[in-house]
Amino acid sequence: MIAKLTSACWDKCITGTPGSKFSSGESSCLSHCAHRYM
């Protein structure tokens, strides 16, 4: 389940090449995506 969540949310939220930190939009998207998935 964690592997599927990671893959699905990464594909949805990370649109470019990630830097050393996620942008606030990416962080928010990942958090919301994970909560919805769970």
PDB file of all heavy atoms in Angstrom:
ATOM      1  N   MET A   1       0.831  -1.200   0.000  1.00  0.00           N
ATOM      2  CA  MET A   1       0.000   0.000   0.000  1.00  0.00           C
ATOM      3  C   MET A   1       0.871   1.258   0.000  1.00  0.00           C
ATOM      4  O   MET A   1       0.594   2.215  -0.728  1.00  0.00           O
ATOM      5  CB  MET A   1      -0.938   0.013   1.201  1.00  0.00           C
ATOM      6  CG  MET A   1      -1.929   1.151   1.150  1.00  0.00           C
ATOM      7  SD  MET A   1      -3.149   1.088   2.459  1.00  0.00           S
ATOM      8  CE  MET A   1      -2.237   1.791   3.799  1.00  0.00           C
ATOM      9  N   ILE A   2       1.929   1.255   0.777  1.00  0.00           N
ATOM     10  CA  ILE A   2       2.830   2.409   0.821  1.00  0.00           C
ATOM     11  C   ILE A   2       3.503   2.617  -0.530  1.00  0.00           C
ATOM     12  O   ILE A   2       3.636   3.747  -1.000  1.00  0.00           O
ATOM     13  CB  ILE A   2       3.863   2.244   1.956  1.00  0.00           C
ATOM     14  CG1 ILE A   2       3.165   2.381   3.309  1.00  0.00           C
ATOM     15  CG2 ILE A   2       5.000   3.259   1.825  1.00  0.00           C
ATOM     16  CD1 ILE A   2       4.003   1.973   4.493  1.00  0.00           C
ATOM     17  N   ALA A   3       3.901   1.536  -1.170  1.00  0.00           N
ATOM     18  CA  ALA A   3       4.530   1.653  -2.489  1.00  0.00           C
ATOM     19  C   ALA A   3       3.553   2.228  -3.512  1.00  0.00           C
ATOM     20  O   ALA A   3       3.919   3.100  -4.312  1.00  0.00           O
ATOM     21  CB  ALA A   3       5.046   0.294  -2.948  1.00  0.00           C
ATOM     22  N   LYS A   4       2.309   1.777  -3.481  1.00  0.00           N
ATOM     23  CA  LYS A   4       1.298   2.295  -4.408  1.00  0.00           C
ATOM     24  C   LYS A   4       0.997   3.766  -4.120  1.00  0.00           C
ATOM     25  O   LYS A   4       0.874   4.571  -5.041  1.00  0.00           O
ATOM     26  CB  LYS A   4       0.013   1.469  -4.308  1.00  0.00           C
ATOM     27  CG  LYS A   4       0.129   0.108  -4.946  1.00  0.00           C
ATOM     28  CD  LYS A   4      -1.167  -0.666  -4.810  1.00  0.00           C
ATOM     29  CE  LYS A   4      -1.055  -2.039  -5.428  1.00  0.00           C
ATOM     30  NZ  LYS A   4      -2.302  -2.793  -5.288  1.00  0.00           N
ATOM     31  N   LEU A   5       0.874   4.107  -2.838  1.00  0.00           N
ATOM     32  CA  LEU A   5       0.618   5.494  -2.450  1.00  0.00           C
ATOM     33  C   LEU A   5       1.758   6.382  -2.928  1.00  0.00           C
ATOM     34  O   LEU A   5       1.524   7.428  -3.526  1.00  0.00           O
ATOM     35  CB  LEU A   5       0.486   5.582  -0.933  1.00  0.00           C
ATOM     36  CG  LEU A   5       0.246   6.950  -0.331  1.00  0.00           C
ATOM     37  CD1 LEU A   5      -0.616   6.816   0.918  1.00  0.00           C
ATOM     38  CD2 LEU A   5       1.505   7.680   0.002  1.00  0.00           C
ATOM     39  N   THR A   6       2.976   5.972  -2.688  1.00  0.00           N
ATOM     40  CA  THR A   6       4.139   6.760  -3.088  1.00  0.00           C
ATOM     41  C   THR A   6       4.161   6.977  -4.589  1.00  0.00           C
ATOM     42  O   THR A   6       4.356   8.101  -5.068  1.00  0.00           O
ATOM     43  CB  THR A   6       5.438   6.061  -2.633  1.00  0.00           C
ATOM     44  OG1 THR A   6       5.404   5.898  -1.216  1.00  0.00           O
ATOM     45  CG2 THR A   6       6.666   6.849  -3.028  1.00  0.00           C
ATOM     46  N   SER A   7       3.937   5.931  -5.335  1.00  0.00           N
ATOM     47  CA  SER A   7       3.967   6.032  -6.790  1.00  0.00           C
ATOM     48  C   SER A   7       2.849   6.929  -7.309  1.00  0.00           C
ATOM     49  O   SER A   7       3.085   7.827  -8.131  1.00  0.00           O
ATOM     50  CB  SER A   7       3.850   4.636  -7.400  1.00  0.00           C
ATOM     51  OG  SER A   7       3.830   4.713  -8.802  1.00  0.00           O
ATOM     52  N   ALA A   8       1.637   6.709  -6.831  1.00  0.00           N
ATOM     53  CA  ALA A   8       0.494   7.479  -7.316  1.00  0.00           C
ATOM     54  C   ALA A   8       0.630   8.958  -6.970  1.00  0.00           C
ATOM     55  O   ALA A   8       0.417   9.831  -7.821  1.00  0.00           O
ATOM     56  CB  ALA A   8      -0.809   6.924  -6.734  1.00  0.00           C
ATOM     57  N   CYS A   9       0.996   9.252  -5.736  1.00  0.00           N
ATOM     58  CA  CYS A   9       1.091  10.650  -5.311  1.00  0.00           C
ATOM     59  C   CYS A   9       2.294  11.337  -5.949  1.00  0.00           C
ATOM     60  O   CYS A   9       2.216  12.518  -6.299  1.00  0.00           O
ATOM     61  CB  CYS A   9       1.134  10.744  -3.789  1.00  0.00           C
ATOM     62  SG  CYS A   9      -0.426  10.243  -3.008  1.00  0.00           S
ATOM     63  N   TRP A  10       3.384  10.629  -6.117  1.00  0.00           N
ATOM     64  CA  TRP A  10       4.556  11.215  -6.780  1.00  0.00           C
ATOM     65  C   TRP A  10       4.195  11.607  -8.205  1.00  0.00           C
ATOM     66  O   TRP A  10       4.473  12.724  -8.641  1.00  0.00           O
ATOM     67  CB  TRP A  10       5.719  10.230  -6.774  1.00  0.00           C
ATOM     68  CG  TRP A  10       6.971  10.788  -7.356  1.00  0.00           C
ATOM     69  CD1 TRP A  10       7.362  10.766  -8.672  1.00  0.00           C
ATOM     70  CD2 TRP A  10       8.002  11.493  -6.663  1.00  0.00           C
ATOM     71  NE1 TRP A  10       8.563  11.387  -8.821  1.00  0.00           N
ATOM     72  CE2 TRP A  10       8.982  11.853  -7.613  1.00  0.00           C
ATOM     73  CE3 TRP A  10       8.184  11.849  -5.325  1.00  0.00           C
ATOM     74  CZ2 TRP A  10      10.137  12.544  -7.257  1.00  0.00           C
ATOM     75  CZ3 TRP A  10       9.333  12.532  -4.983  1.00  0.00           C
ATOM     76  CH2 TRP A  10      10.287  12.874  -5.943  1.00  0.00           C
ATOM     77  N   ASP A  11       3.568  10.683  -8.933  1.00  0.00           N
ATOM     78  CA  ASP A  11       3.206  10.963 -10.325  1.00  0.00           C
ATOM     79  C   ASP A  11       2.231  12.130 -10.422  1.00  0.00           C
ATOM     80  O   ASP A  11       2.284  12.916 -11.365  1.00  0.00           O
ATOM     81  CB  ASP A  11       2.590   9.721 -10.972  1.00  0.00           C
ATOM     82  CG  ASP A  11       3.600   8.606 -11.181  1.00  0.00           C
ATOM     83  OD1 ASP A  11       4.823   8.867 -11.099  1.00  0.00           O
ATOM     84  OD2 ASP A  11       3.174   7.462 -11.419  1.00  0.00           O
ATOM     85  N   LYS A  12       1.342  12.260  -9.448  1.00  0.00           N
ATOM     86  CA  LYS A  12       0.340  13.318  -9.479  1.00  0.00           C
ATOM     87  C   LYS A  12       0.918  14.675  -9.080  1.00  0.00           C
ATOM     88  O   LYS A  12       0.565  15.698  -9.661  1.00  0.00           O
ATOM     89  CB  LYS A  12      -0.806  12.956  -8.536  1.00  0.00           C
ATOM     90  CG  LYS A  12      -1.928  13.972  -8.471  1.00  0.00           C
ATOM     91  CD  LYS A  12      -2.994  13.510  -7.500  1.00  0.00           C
ATOM     92  CE  LYS A  12      -4.210  14.361  -7.447  1.00  0.00           C
ATOM     93  NZ  LYS A  12      -4.068  15.767  -7.463  1.00  0.00           N
ATOM     94  N   CYS A  13       1.806  14.698  -8.105  1.00  0.00           N
ATOM     95  CA  CYS A  13       2.205  15.955  -7.473  1.00  0.00           C
ATOM     96  C   CYS A  13       3.559  16.509  -7.917  1.00  0.00           C
ATOM     97  O   CYS A  13       3.776  17.715  -7.827  1.00  0.00           O
ATOM     98  CB  CYS A  13       2.227  15.783  -5.958  1.00  0.00           C
ATOM     99  SG  CYS A  13       0.619  15.352  -5.265  1.00  0.00           S
ATOM    100  N   ILE A  14       4.441  15.670  -8.344  1.00  0.00           N
ATOM    101  CA  ILE A  14       5.784  16.129  -8.712  1.00  0.00           C
ATOM    102  C   ILE A  14       5.849  16.194 -10.232  1.00  0.00           C
ATOM    103  O   ILE A  14       5.937  15.178 -10.911  1.00  0.00           O
ATOM    104  CB  ILE A  14       6.877  15.197  -8.154  1.00  0.00           C
ATOM    105  CG1 ILE A  14       6.691  14.953  -6.662  1.00  0.00           C
ATOM    106  CG2 ILE A  14       8.263  15.778  -8.449  1.00  0.00           C
ATOM    107  CD1 ILE A  14       6.694  16.192  -5.798  1.00  0.00           C
ATOM    108  N   THR A  15       5.774  17.409 -10.743  1.00  0.00           N
ATOM    109  CA  THR A  15       5.671  17.583 -12.193  1.00  0.00           C
ATOM    110  C   THR A  15       7.020  17.797 -12.869  1.00  0.00           C
ATOM    111  O   THR A  15       7.165  17.548 -14.050  1.00  0.00           O
ATOM    112  CB  THR A  15       4.749  18.772 -12.517  1.00  0.00           C
ATOM    113  OG1 THR A  15       5.251  19.935 -11.860  1.00  0.00           O
ATOM    114  CG2 THR A  15       3.338  18.495 -12.035  1.00  0.00           C
ATOM    115  N   GLY A  16       7.985  18.268 -12.137  1.00  0.00           N
ATOM    116  CA  GLY A  16       9.302  18.522 -12.716  1.00  0.00           C
ATOM    117  C   GLY A  16      10.355  17.708 -11.997  1.00  0.00           C
ATOM    118  O   GLY A  16      10.058  16.786 -11.256  1.00  0.00           O
ATOM    119  N   THR A  17      11.586  18.078 -12.214  1.00  0.00           N
ATOM    120  CA  THR A  17      12.682  17.430 -11.508  1.00  0.00           C
ATOM    121  C   THR A  17      12.771  18.026 -10.107  1.00  0.00           C
ATOM    122  O   THR A  17      12.903  19.241  -9.965  1.00  0.00           O
ATOM    123  CB  THR A  17      14.011  17.666 -12.250  1.00  0.00           C
ATOM    124  OG1 THR A  17      13.871  17.208 -13.587  1.00  0.00           O
ATOM    125  CG2 THR A  17      15.154  16.940 -11.576  1.00  0.00           C
ATOM    126  N   PRO A  18      12.659  17.196  -9.076  1.00  0.00           N
ATOM    127  CA  PRO A  18      12.679  17.736  -7.720  1.00  0.00           C
ATOM    128  C   PRO A  18      14.063  18.271  -7.359  1.00  0.00           C
ATOM    129  O   PRO A  18      15.081  17.729  -7.783  1.00  0.00           O
ATOM    130  CB  PRO A  18      12.299  16.544  -6.842  1.00  0.00           C
ATOM    131  CG  PRO A  18      12.604  15.349  -7.660  1.00  0.00           C
ATOM    132  CD  PRO A  18      12.489  15.757  -9.100  1.00  0.00           C
ATOM    133  N   GLY A  19      14.071  19.342  -6.590  1.00  0.00           N
ATOM    134  CA  GLY A  19      15.312  19.894  -6.079  1.00  0.00           C
ATOM    135  C   GLY A  19      15.635  19.276  -4.736  1.00  0.00           C
ATOM    136  O   GLY A  19      15.211  18.163  -4.435  1.00  0.00           O
ATOM    137  N   SER A  20      16.344  20.018  -3.914  1.00  0.00           N
ATOM    138  CA  SER A  20      16.697  19.504  -2.598  1.00  0.00           C
ATOM    139  C   SER A  20      15.500  19.545  -1.644  1.00  0.00           C
ATOM    140  O   SER A  20      15.500  18.863  -0.625  1.00  0.00           O
ATOM    141  CB  SER A  20      17.865  20.292  -2.007  1.00  0.00           C
ATOM    142  OG  SER A  20      17.512  21.659  -1.865  1.00  0.00           O
ATOM    143  N   LYS A  21      14.492  20.359  -1.973  1.00  0.00           N
ATOM    144  CA  LYS A  21      13.269  20.446  -1.164  1.00  0.00           C
ATOM    145  C   LYS A  21      12.067  20.507  -2.099  1.00  0.00           C
ATOM    146  O   LYS A  21      12.172  20.966  -3.230  1.00  0.00           O
ATOM    147  CB  LYS A  21      13.271  21.708  -0.305  1.00  0.00           C
ATOM    148  CG  LYS A  21      14.312  21.741   0.771  1.00  0.00           C
ATOM    149  CD  LYS A  21      14.166  23.001   1.604  1.00  0.00           C
ATOM    150  CE  LYS A  21      15.187  23.012   2.712  1.00  0.00           C
ATOM    151  NZ  LYS A  21      15.074  24.210   3.546  1.00  0.00           N
ATOM    152  N   PHE A  22      10.933  20.047  -1.590  1.00  0.00           N
ATOM    153  CA  PHE A  22       9.692  20.180  -2.343  1.00  0.00           C
ATOM    154  C   PHE A  22       9.197  21.614  -2.228  1.00  0.00           C
ATOM    155  O   PHE A  22       9.384  22.269  -1.205  1.00  0.00           O
ATOM    156  CB  PHE A  22       8.605  19.242  -1.813  1.00  0.00           C
ATOM    157  CG  PHE A  22       8.903  17.779  -2.013  1.00  0.00           C
ATOM    158  CD1 PHE A  22       8.851  16.904  -0.953  1.00  0.00           C
ATOM    159  CD2 PHE A  22       9.217  17.281  -3.264  1.00  0.00           C
ATOM    160  CE1 PHE A  22       9.107  15.556  -1.124  1.00  0.00           C
ATOM    161  CE2 PHE A  22       9.481  15.940  -3.457  1.00  0.00           C
ATOM    162  CZ  PHE A  22       9.426  15.074  -2.380  1.00  0.00           C
ATOM    163  N   SER A  23       8.524  22.076  -3.270  1.00  0.00           N
ATOM    164  CA  SER A  23       7.881  23.387  -3.178  1.00  0.00           C
ATOM    165  C   SER A  23       6.689  23.265  -2.234  1.00  0.00           C
ATOM    166  O   SER A  23       6.241  22.162  -1.919  1.00  0.00           O
ATOM    167  CB  SER A  23       7.410  23.847  -4.562  1.00  0.00           C
ATOM    168  OG  SER A  23       6.311  23.066  -4.996  1.00  0.00           O
ATOM    169  N   SER A  24       6.159  24.408  -1.810  1.00  0.00           N
ATOM    170  CA  SER A  24       5.008  24.354  -0.901  1.00  0.00           C
ATOM    171  C   SER A  24       3.810  23.704  -1.588  1.00  0.00           C
ATOM    172  O   SER A  24       3.052  22.964  -0.964  1.00  0.00           O
ATOM    173  CB  SER A  24       4.646  25.752  -0.398  1.00  0.00           C
ATOM    174  OG  SER A  24       4.282  26.591  -1.471  1.00  0.00           O
ATOM    175  N   GLY A  25       3.650  23.959  -2.894  1.00  0.00           N
ATOM    176  CA  GLY A  25       2.559  23.335  -3.639  1.00  0.00           C
ATOM    177  C   GLY A  25       2.724  21.826  -3.728  1.00  0.00           C
ATOM    178  O   GLY A  25       1.750  21.072  -3.594  1.00  0.00           O
ATOM    179  N   GLU A  26       3.960  21.370  -3.962  1.00  0.00           N
ATOM    180  CA  GLU A  26       4.215  19.931  -4.024  1.00  0.00           C
ATOM    181  C   GLU A  26       3.980  19.277  -2.670  1.00  0.00           C
ATOM    182  O   GLU A  26       3.354  18.209  -2.589  1.00  0.00           O
ATOM    183  CB  GLU A  26       5.648  19.672  -4.490  1.00  0.00           C
ATOM    184  CG  GLU A  26       5.902  20.023  -5.933  1.00  0.00           C
ATOM    185  CD  GLU A  26       7.366  20.000  -6.309  1.00  0.00           C
ATOM    186  OE1 GLU A  26       8.239  20.207  -5.426  1.00  0.00           O
ATOM    187  OE2 GLU A  26       7.652  19.775  -7.504  1.00  0.00           O
ATOM    188  N   SER A  27       4.456  19.921  -1.615  1.00  0.00           N
ATOM    189  CA  SER A  27       4.262  19.375  -0.264  1.00  0.00           C
ATOM    190  C   SER A  27       2.786  19.263   0.076  1.00  0.00           C
ATOM    191  O   SER A  27       2.330  18.242   0.608  1.00  0.00           O
ATOM    192  CB  SER A  27       4.952  20.257   0.778  1.00  0.00           C
ATOM    193  OG  SER A  27       6.337  20.202   0.628  1.00  0.00           O
ATOM    194  N   SER A  28       2.037  20.314  -0.242  1.00  0.00           N
ATOM    195  CA  SER A  28       0.606  20.308   0.027  1.00  0.00           C
ATOM    196  C   SER A  28      -0.092  19.215  -0.782  1.00  0.00           C
ATOM    197  O   SER A  28      -0.923  18.470  -0.252  1.00  0.00           O
ATOM    198  CB  SER A  28       0.026  21.676  -0.302  1.00  0.00           C
ATOM    199  OG  SER A  28      -1.361  21.679  -0.112  1.00  0.00           O
ATOM    200  N   CYS A  29       0.262  19.111  -2.045  1.00  0.00           N
ATOM    201  CA  CYS A  29      -0.341  18.093  -2.910  1.00  0.00           C
ATOM    202  C   CYS A  29      -0.032  16.691  -2.385  1.00  0.00           C
ATOM    203  O   CYS A  29      -0.921  15.843  -2.313  1.00  0.00           O
ATOM    204  CB  CYS A  29       0.182  18.257  -4.342  1.00  0.00           C
ATOM    205  SG  CYS A  29      -0.471  17.057  -5.509  1.00  0.00           S
ATOM    206  N   LEU A  30       1.225  16.437  -2.026  1.00  0.00           N
ATOM    207  CA  LEU A  30       1.604  15.116  -1.506  1.00  0.00           C
ATOM    208  C   LEU A  30       0.838  14.785  -0.234  1.00  0.00           C
ATOM    209  O   LEU A  30       0.357  13.656  -0.068  1.00  0.00           O
ATOM    210  CB  LEU A  30       3.111  15.059  -1.247  1.00  0.00           C
ATOM    211  CG  LEU A  30       4.000  14.994  -2.484  1.00  0.00           C
ATOM    212  CD1 LEU A  30       5.453  15.245  -2.110  1.00  0.00           C
ATOM    213  CD2 LEU A  30       3.846  13.666  -3.193  1.00  0.00           C
ATOM    214  N   SER A  31       0.702  15.755   0.646  1.00  0.00           N
ATOM    215  CA  SER A  31      -0.015  15.528   1.897  1.00  0.00           C
ATOM    216  C   SER A  31      -1.484  15.210   1.640  1.00  0.00           C
ATOM    217  O   SER A  31      -2.024  14.239   2.186  1.00  0.00           O
ATOM    218  CB  SER A  31       0.111  16.762   2.790  1.00  0.00           C
ATOM    219  OG  SER A  31      -0.616  16.578   3.977  1.00  0.00           O
ATOM    220  N   HIS A  32      -2.134  16.017   0.808  1.00  0.00           N
ATOM    221  CA  HIS A  32      -3.547  15.782   0.500  1.00  0.00           C
ATOM    222  C   HIS A  32      -3.741  14.451  -0.219  1.00  0.00           C
ATOM    223  O   HIS A  32      -4.691  13.710   0.063  1.00  0.00           O
ATOM    224  CB  HIS A  32      -4.113  16.931  -0.335  1.00  0.00           C
ATOM    225  CG  HIS A  32      -4.307  18.176   0.442  1.00  0.00           C
ATOM    226  ND1 HIS A  32      -3.469  19.251   0.332  1.00  0.00           N
ATOM    227  CD2 HIS A  32      -5.235  18.521   1.378  1.00  0.00           C
ATOM    228  CE1 HIS A  32      -3.861  20.204   1.144  1.00  0.00           C
ATOM    229  NE2 HIS A  32      -4.934  19.784   1.798  1.00  0.00           N
ATOM    230  N   CYS A  33      -2.858  14.155  -1.149  1.00  0.00           N
ATOM    231  CA  CYS A  33      -2.954  12.906  -1.896  1.00  0.00           C
ATOM    232  C   CYS A  33      -2.841  11.708  -0.952  1.00  0.00           C
ATOM    233  O   CYS A  33      -3.629  10.768  -1.024  1.00  0.00           O
ATOM    234  CB  CYS A  33      -1.862  12.852  -2.971  1.00  0.00           C
ATOM    235  SG  CYS A  33      -1.868  11.356  -3.973  1.00  0.00           S
ATOM    236  N   ALA A  34      -1.866  11.747  -0.048  1.00  0.00           N
ATOM    237  CA  ALA A  34      -1.669  10.648   0.896  1.00  0.00           C
ATOM    238  C   ALA A  34      -2.889  10.479   1.800  1.00  0.00           C
ATOM    239  O   ALA A  34      -3.331   9.350   2.047  1.00  0.00           O
ATOM    240  CB  ALA A  34      -0.414  10.886   1.724  1.00  0.00           C
ATOM    241  N   HIS A  35      -3.439  11.587   2.283  1.00  0.00           N
ATOM    242  CA  HIS A  35      -4.627  11.505   3.139  1.00  0.00           C
ATOM    243  C   HIS A  35      -5.814  10.913   2.377  1.00  0.00           C
ATOM    244  O   HIS A  35      -6.533  10.062   2.912  1.00  0.00           O
ATOM    245  CB  HIS A  35      -4.998  12.883   3.702  1.00  0.00           C
ATOM    246  CG  HIS A  35      -4.140  13.288   4.842  1.00  0.00           C
ATOM    247  ND1 HIS A  35      -3.080  14.142   4.700  1.00  0.00           N
ATOM    248  CD2 HIS A  35      -4.177  12.937   6.160  1.00  0.00           C
ATOM    249  CE1 HIS A  35      -2.499  14.302   5.870  1.00  0.00           C
ATOM    250  NE2 HIS A  35      -3.136  13.586   6.782  1.00  0.00           N
ATOM    251  N   ARG A  36      -6.018  11.351   1.156  1.00  0.00           N
ATOM    252  CA  ARG A  36      -7.129  10.807   0.353  1.00  0.00           C
ATOM    253  C   ARG A  36      -6.920   9.323   0.083  1.00  0.00           C
ATOM    254  O   ARG A  36      -7.865   8.528   0.163  1.00  0.00           O
ATOM    255  CB  ARG A  36      -7.257  11.564  -0.967  1.00  0.00           C
ATOM    256  CG  ARG A  36      -7.925  12.907  -0.842  1.00  0.00           C
ATOM    257  CD  ARG A  36      -8.308  13.496  -2.190  1.00  0.00           C
ATOM    258  NE  ARG A  36      -7.221  13.536  -3.137  1.00  0.00           N
ATOM    259  CZ  ARG A  36      -6.364  14.539  -3.295  1.00  0.00           C
ATOM    260  NH1 ARG A  36      -6.470  15.612  -2.547  1.00  0.00           N
ATOM    261  NH2 ARG A  36      -5.404  14.479  -4.194  1.00  0.00           N
ATOM    262  N   TYR A  37      -5.702   8.941  -0.227  1.00  0.00           N
ATOM    263  CA  TYR A  37      -5.395   7.539  -0.507  1.00  0.00           C
ATOM    264  C   TYR A  37      -5.679   6.681   0.727  1.00  0.00           C
ATOM    265  O   TYR A  37      -6.303   5.620   0.619  1.00  0.00           O
ATOM    266  CB  TYR A  37      -3.929   7.406  -0.926  1.00  0.00           C
ATOM    267  CG  TYR A  37      -3.574   6.059  -1.489  1.00  0.00           C
ATOM    268  CD1 TYR A  37      -3.625   5.818  -2.857  1.00  0.00           C
ATOM    269  CD2 TYR A  37      -3.189   5.012  -0.658  1.00  0.00           C
ATOM    270  CE1 TYR A  37      -3.292   4.583  -3.376  1.00  0.00           C
ATOM    271  CE2 TYR A  37      -2.861   3.775  -1.165  1.00  0.00           C
ATOM    272  CZ  TYR A  37      -2.912   3.560  -2.525  1.00  0.00           C
ATOM    273  OH  TYR A  37      -2.585   2.326  -3.029  1.00  0.00           O
ATOM    274  N   MET A  38      -5.231   7.142   1.888  1.00  0.00           N
ATOM    275  CA  MET A  38      -5.460   6.388   3.112  1.00  0.00           C
ATOM    276  C   MET A  38      -6.945   6.320   3.456  1.00  0.00           C
ATOM    277  O   MET A  38      -7.448   5.265   3.856  1.00  0.00           O
ATOM    278  CB  MET A  38      -4.675   7.013   4.279  1.00  0.00           C
ATOM    279  CG  MET A  38      -3.169   6.931   4.108  1.00  0.00           C
ATOM    280  SD  MET A  38      -2.544   5.257   3.971  1.00  0.00           S
ATOM    281  CE  MET A  38      -2.809   4.691   5.625  1.00  0.00           C
TER     282      MET A  38
END
